[in-house]
Amino acid sequence: MKKVLFMLLVMFALSACQSKDSYVKEFSDFVDKVEMEAADYTDKDWKKADLKFSDLSTDIYAKFEEELNADEKAEIIKLQATYAGLKMKAGVKDAAKKVDKFLDGLKEGTK
Protein backbone atom coordinates (compact mmCIF):
# COMPACT_ATOMS: atom_id res chain seq x y z
CA MET A 1 0.00 0.00 0.00
CA LYS A 2 2.82 2.39 0.85
CA LYS A 3 4.45 1.69 -2.52
CA VAL A 4 1.25 2.51 -4.37
CA LEU A 5 0.79 5.72 -2.42
CA PHE A 6 4.40 6.69 -3.02
CA MET A 7 4.09 5.99 -6.77
CA LEU A 8 0.95 8.12 -6.98
CA LEU A 9 2.71 10.94 -5.17
CA VAL A 10 5.71 10.70 -7.52
CA MET A 11 3.45 10.66 -10.58
CA PHE A 12 1.58 13.71 -9.32
CA ALA A 13 4.80 15.57 -8.63
CA LEU A 14 6.16 14.76 -12.07
CA SER A 15 2.96 15.78 -13.80
CA ALA A 16 2.79 19.12 -12.00
CA CYS A 17 3.69 22.20 -13.97
CA GLN A 18 7.43 22.72 -13.99
CA SER A 19 7.60 26.10 -15.73
CA LYS A 20 5.36 29.02 -16.56
CA ASP A 21 5.27 27.86 -20.19
CA SER A 22 4.13 24.38 -19.20
CA TYR A 23 1.55 25.97 -16.88
CA VAL A 24 0.04 28.11 -19.64
CA LYS A 25 0.04 25.13 -22.02
CA GLU A 26 -1.55 22.83 -19.43
CA PHE A 27 -4.26 25.40 -18.70
CA SER A 28 -4.92 25.89 -22.41
CA ASP A 29 -5.03 22.13 -23.06
CA PHE A 30 -7.39 21.66 -20.12
CA VAL A 31 -9.85 24.32 -21.37
CA ASP A 32 -9.64 22.92 -24.93
CA LYS A 33 -10.47 19.44 -23.62
CA VAL A 34 -13.41 20.72 -21.59
CA GLU A 35 -14.65 22.71 -24.59
CA MET A 36 -14.58 19.61 -26.80
CA GLU A 37 -16.25 17.33 -24.25
CA ALA A 38 -18.53 19.69 -22.27
CA ALA A 39 -21.69 18.65 -24.10
CA ASP A 40 -21.28 15.12 -22.71
CA TYR A 41 -20.15 16.05 -19.18
CA THR A 42 -22.02 14.61 -16.22
CA ASP A 43 -22.21 16.29 -12.83
CA LYS A 44 -19.30 14.09 -11.76
CA ASP A 45 -17.25 15.24 -14.77
CA TRP A 46 -17.96 18.89 -13.94
CA LYS A 47 -16.94 18.41 -10.31
CA LYS A 48 -13.65 16.87 -11.42
CA ALA A 49 -13.10 19.65 -13.97
CA ASP A 50 -13.94 22.30 -11.37
CA LEU A 51 -11.26 20.94 -9.04
CA LYS A 52 -8.68 21.02 -11.82
CA PHE A 53 -9.80 24.52 -12.86
CA SER A 54 -9.54 25.74 -9.28
CA ASP A 55 -6.05 24.30 -8.96
CA LEU A 56 -4.93 25.89 -12.24
CA SER A 57 -6.58 29.23 -11.42
CA THR A 58 -5.35 29.63 -7.88
CA ASP A 59 -2.60 27.38 -6.52
CA ILE A 60 -0.56 26.88 -9.67
CA TYR A 61 -1.25 30.42 -10.88
CA ALA A 62 0.16 31.77 -7.61
CA LYS A 63 3.31 29.72 -8.18
CA PHE A 64 4.00 31.40 -11.55
CA GLU A 65 2.22 34.76 -11.22
CA GLU A 66 5.41 36.78 -10.81
CA GLU A 67 6.99 35.13 -13.87
CA LEU A 68 4.05 35.64 -16.22
CA ASN A 69 4.21 38.58 -18.60
CA ALA A 70 1.17 40.69 -19.53
CA ASP A 71 0.32 38.58 -22.60
CA GLU A 72 0.46 35.35 -20.61
CA LYS A 73 -1.72 36.84 -17.86
CA ALA A 74 -4.20 37.97 -20.52
CA GLU A 75 -4.20 34.42 -21.92
CA ILE A 76 -4.96 33.02 -18.46
CA ILE A 77 -7.84 35.49 -18.05
CA LYS A 78 -9.18 34.45 -21.47
CA LEU A 79 -8.97 30.77 -20.49
CA GLN A 80 -10.77 31.47 -17.21
CA ALA A 81 -13.53 33.34 -19.07
CA THR A 82 -13.88 30.54 -21.62
CA TYR A 83 -14.24 27.97 -18.84
CA ALA A 84 -16.79 30.15 -17.03
CA GLY A 85 -18.77 30.43 -20.27
CA LEU A 86 -18.73 26.67 -20.74
CA LYS A 87 -19.98 26.18 -17.17
CA MET A 88 -22.73 28.74 -17.69
CA LYS A 89 -23.82 27.12 -20.94
CA ALA A 90 -23.91 23.70 -19.27
CA GLY A 91 -25.99 25.13 -16.42
CA VAL A 92 -28.50 26.65 -18.83
CA LYS A 93 -28.82 23.36 -20.72
CA ASP A 94 -29.32 21.48 -17.45
CA ALA A 95 -31.97 23.96 -16.31
CA ALA A 96 -33.75 23.69 -19.68
CA LYS A 97 -33.81 19.89 -19.40
CA LYS A 98 -35.32 20.13 -15.91
CA VAL A 99 -38.00 22.56 -17.11
CA ASP A 100 -38.82 20.24 -20.03
CA LYS A 101 -39.16 17.28 -17.65
CA PHE A 102 -41.37 19.33 -15.35
CA LEU A 103 -43.61 20.44 -18.23
CA ASP A 104 -43.80 16.88 -19.54
CA GLY A 105 -44.90 15.79 -16.07
CA LEU A 106 -47.59 18.45 -16.03
CA LYS A 107 -48.81 17.37 -19.47
CA GLU A 108 -48.99 13.75 -18.34
CA GLY A 109 -50.88 14.79 -15.21
CA THR A 110 -53.56 16.59 -17.21
CA LYS A 111 -54.35 13.64 -19.46
C-alpha atoms as a PDB file:
ATOM      1  CA  MET A   1       0.000   0.000   0.000  1.00  0.00           C
ATOM      2  CA  LYS A   2       2.820   2.391   0.852  1.00  0.00           C
ATOM      3  CA  LYS A   3       4.447   1.691  -2.519  1.00  0.00           C
ATOM      4  CA  VAL A   4       1.248   2.508  -4.374  1.00  0.00           C
ATOM      5  CA  LEU A   5       0.788   5.723  -2.423  1.00  0.00           C
ATOM      6  CA  PHE A   6       4.400   6.685  -3.023  1.00  0.00           C
ATOM      7  CA  MET A   7       4.089   5.994  -6.768  1.00  0.00           C
ATOM      8  CA  LEU A   8       0.948   8.120  -6.976  1.00  0.00           C
ATOM      9  CA  LEU A   9       2.715  10.936  -5.171  1.00  0.00           C
ATOM     10  CA  VAL A  10       5.711  10.698  -7.517  1.00  0.00           C
ATOM     11  CA  MET A  11       3.453  10.662 -10.583  1.00  0.00           C
ATOM     12  CA  PHE A  12       1.582  13.711  -9.321  1.00  0.00           C
ATOM     13  CA  ALA A  13       4.798  15.572  -8.626  1.00  0.00           C
ATOM     14  CA  LEU A  14       6.164  14.765 -12.067  1.00  0.00           C
ATOM     15  CA  SER A  15       2.964  15.781 -13.802  1.00  0.00           C
ATOM     16  CA  ALA A  16       2.788  19.115 -12.000  1.00  0.00           C
ATOM     17  CA  CYS A  17       3.688  22.198 -13.967  1.00  0.00           C
ATOM     18  CA  GLN A  18       7.426  22.718 -13.987  1.00  0.00           C
ATOM     19  CA  SER A  19       7.603  26.099 -15.725  1.00  0.00           C
ATOM     20  CA  LYS A  20       5.358  29.023 -16.558  1.00  0.00           C
ATOM     21  CA  ASP A  21       5.269  27.857 -20.187  1.00  0.00           C
ATOM     22  CA  SER A  22       4.130  24.379 -19.197  1.00  0.00           C
ATOM     23  CA  TYR A  23       1.549  25.967 -16.881  1.00  0.00           C
ATOM     24  CA  VAL A  24       0.041  28.114 -19.635  1.00  0.00           C
ATOM     25  CA  LYS A  25       0.039  25.128 -22.016  1.00  0.00           C
ATOM     26  CA  GLU A  26      -1.546  22.830 -19.431  1.00  0.00           C
ATOM     27  CA  PHE A  27      -4.260  25.398 -18.697  1.00  0.00           C
ATOM     28  CA  SER A  28      -4.922  25.889 -22.413  1.00  0.00           C
ATOM     29  CA  ASP A  29      -5.026  22.131 -23.061  1.00  0.00           C
ATOM     30  CA  PHE A  30      -7.389  21.663 -20.122  1.00  0.00           C
ATOM     31  CA  VAL A  31      -9.848  24.316 -21.365  1.00  0.00           C
ATOM     32  CA  ASP A  32      -9.640  22.924 -24.928  1.00  0.00           C
ATOM     33  CA  LYS A  33     -10.474  19.440 -23.623  1.00  0.00           C
ATOM     34  CA  VAL A  34     -13.415  20.723 -21.589  1.00  0.00           C
ATOM     35  CA  GLU A  35     -14.647  22.707 -24.593  1.00  0.00           C
ATOM     36  CA  MET A  36     -14.582  19.605 -26.802  1.00  0.00           C
ATOM     37  CA  GLU A  37     -16.252  17.330 -24.246  1.00  0.00           C
ATOM     38  CA  ALA A  38     -18.529  19.690 -22.266  1.00  0.00           C
ATOM     39  CA  ALA A  39     -21.689  18.649 -24.095  1.00  0.00           C
ATOM     40  CA  ASP A  40     -21.278  15.124 -22.710  1.00  0.00           C
ATOM     41  CA  TYR A  41     -20.155  16.053 -19.178  1.00  0.00           C
ATOM     42  CA  THR A  42     -22.017  14.611 -16.225  1.00  0.00           C
ATOM     43  CA  ASP A  43     -22.214  16.286 -12.828  1.00  0.00           C
ATOM     44  CA  LYS A  44     -19.299  14.086 -11.760  1.00  0.00           C
ATOM     45  CA  ASP A  45     -17.250  15.242 -14.774  1.00  0.00           C
ATOM     46  CA  TRP A  46     -17.955  18.891 -13.939  1.00  0.00           C
ATOM     47  CA  LYS A  47     -16.941  18.407 -10.313  1.00  0.00           C
ATOM     48  CA  LYS A  48     -13.646  16.869 -11.417  1.00  0.00           C
ATOM     49  CA  ALA A  49     -13.100  19.650 -13.972  1.00  0.00           C
ATOM     50  CA  ASP A  50     -13.941  22.303 -11.367  1.00  0.00           C
ATOM     51  CA  LEU A  51     -11.264  20.939  -9.042  1.00  0.00           C
ATOM     52  CA  LYS A  52      -8.683  21.020 -11.819  1.00  0.00           C
ATOM     53  CA  PHE A  53      -9.795  24.517 -12.855  1.00  0.00           C
ATOM     54  CA  SER A  54      -9.542  25.742  -9.278  1.00  0.00           C
ATOM     55  CA  ASP A  55      -6.051  24.295  -8.958  1.00  0.00           C
ATOM     56  CA  LEU A  56      -4.932  25.892 -12.236  1.00  0.00           C
ATOM     57  CA  SER A  57      -6.579  29.227 -11.424  1.00  0.00           C
ATOM     58  CA  THR A  58      -5.347  29.626  -7.875  1.00  0.00           C
ATOM     59  CA  ASP A  59      -2.598  27.378  -6.525  1.00  0.00           C
ATOM     60  CA  ILE A  60      -0.562  26.876  -9.673  1.00  0.00           C
ATOM     61  CA  TYR A  61      -1.251  30.422 -10.880  1.00  0.00           C
ATOM     62  CA  ALA A  62       0.159  31.770  -7.609  1.00  0.00           C
ATOM     63  CA  LYS A  63       3.306  29.723  -8.183  1.00  0.00           C
ATOM     64  CA  PHE A  64       4.004  31.403 -11.546  1.00  0.00           C
ATOM     65  CA  GLU A  65       2.215  34.757 -11.221  1.00  0.00           C
ATOM     66  CA  GLU A  66       5.408  36.785 -10.809  1.00  0.00           C
ATOM     67  CA  GLU A  67       6.994  35.135 -13.869  1.00  0.00           C
ATOM     68  CA  LEU A  68       4.045  35.640 -16.217  1.00  0.00           C
ATOM     69  CA  ASN A  69       4.208  38.577 -18.596  1.00  0.00           C
ATOM     70  CA  ALA A  70       1.171  40.694 -19.527  1.00  0.00           C
ATOM     71  CA  ASP A  71       0.323  38.581 -22.600  1.00  0.00           C
ATOM     72  CA  GLU A  72       0.460  35.355 -20.609  1.00  0.00           C
ATOM     73  CA  LYS A  73      -1.719  36.837 -17.861  1.00  0.00           C
ATOM     74  CA  ALA A  74      -4.200  37.970 -20.518  1.00  0.00           C
ATOM     75  CA  GLU A  75      -4.205  34.421 -21.922  1.00  0.00           C
ATOM     76  CA  ILE A  76      -4.965  33.017 -18.464  1.00  0.00           C
ATOM     77  CA  ILE A  77      -7.843  35.487 -18.047  1.00  0.00           C
ATOM     78  CA  LYS A  78      -9.181  34.454 -21.465  1.00  0.00           C
ATOM     79  CA  LEU A  79      -8.974  30.774 -20.490  1.00  0.00           C
ATOM     80  CA  GLN A  80     -10.774  31.471 -17.214  1.00  0.00           C
ATOM     81  CA  ALA A  81     -13.529  33.344 -19.067  1.00  0.00           C
ATOM     82  CA  THR A  82     -13.875  30.539 -21.616  1.00  0.00           C
ATOM     83  CA  TYR A  83     -14.236  27.969 -18.844  1.00  0.00           C
ATOM     84  CA  ALA A  84     -16.791  30.146 -17.031  1.00  0.00           C
ATOM     85  CA  GLY A  85     -18.774  30.430 -20.267  1.00  0.00           C
ATOM     86  CA  LEU A  86     -18.732  26.668 -20.737  1.00  0.00           C
ATOM     87  CA  LYS A  87     -19.978  26.181 -17.170  1.00  0.00           C
ATOM     88  CA  MET A  88     -22.734  28.737 -17.689  1.00  0.00           C
ATOM     89  CA  LYS A  89     -23.824  27.115 -20.944  1.00  0.00           C
ATOM     90  CA  ALA A  90     -23.912  23.696 -19.274  1.00  0.00           C
ATOM     91  CA  GLY A  91     -25.988  25.126 -16.425  1.00  0.00           C
ATOM     92  CA  VAL A  92     -28.499  26.653 -18.828  1.00  0.00           C
ATOM     93  CA  LYS A  93     -28.816  23.362 -20.717  1.00  0.00           C
ATOM     94  CA  ASP A  94     -29.316  21.483 -17.451  1.00  0.00           C
ATOM     95  CA  ALA A  95     -31.971  23.956 -16.313  1.00  0.00           C
ATOM     96  CA  ALA A  96     -33.754  23.693 -19.679  1.00  0.00           C
ATOM     97  CA  LYS A  97     -33.812  19.892 -19.396  1.00  0.00           C
ATOM     98  CA  LYS A  98     -35.316  20.131 -15.906  1.00  0.00           C
ATOM     99  CA  VAL A  99     -37.997  22.557 -17.111  1.00  0.00           C
ATOM    100  CA  ASP A 100     -38.821  20.239 -20.027  1.00  0.00           C
ATOM    101  CA  LYS A 101     -39.159  17.277 -17.647  1.00  0.00           C
ATOM    102  CA  PHE A 102     -41.366  19.329 -15.351  1.00  0.00           C
ATOM    103  CA  LEU A 103     -43.605  20.436 -18.230  1.00  0.00           C
ATOM    104  CA  ASP A 104     -43.803  16.876 -19.542  1.00  0.00           C
ATOM    105  CA  GLY A 105     -44.898  15.787 -16.072  1.00  0.00           C
ATOM    106  CA  LEU A 106     -47.592  18.454 -16.032  1.00  0.00           C
ATOM    107  CA  LYS A 107     -48.813  17.374 -19.466  1.00  0.00           C
ATOM    108  CA  GLU A 108     -48.986  13.754 -18.339  1.00  0.00           C
ATOM    109  CA  GLY A 109     -50.879  14.786 -15.212  1.00  0.00           C
ATOM    110  CA  THR A 110     -53.559  16.591 -17.212  1.00  0.00           C
ATOM    111  CA  LYS A 111     -54.351  13.642 -19.463  1.00  0.00           C
END
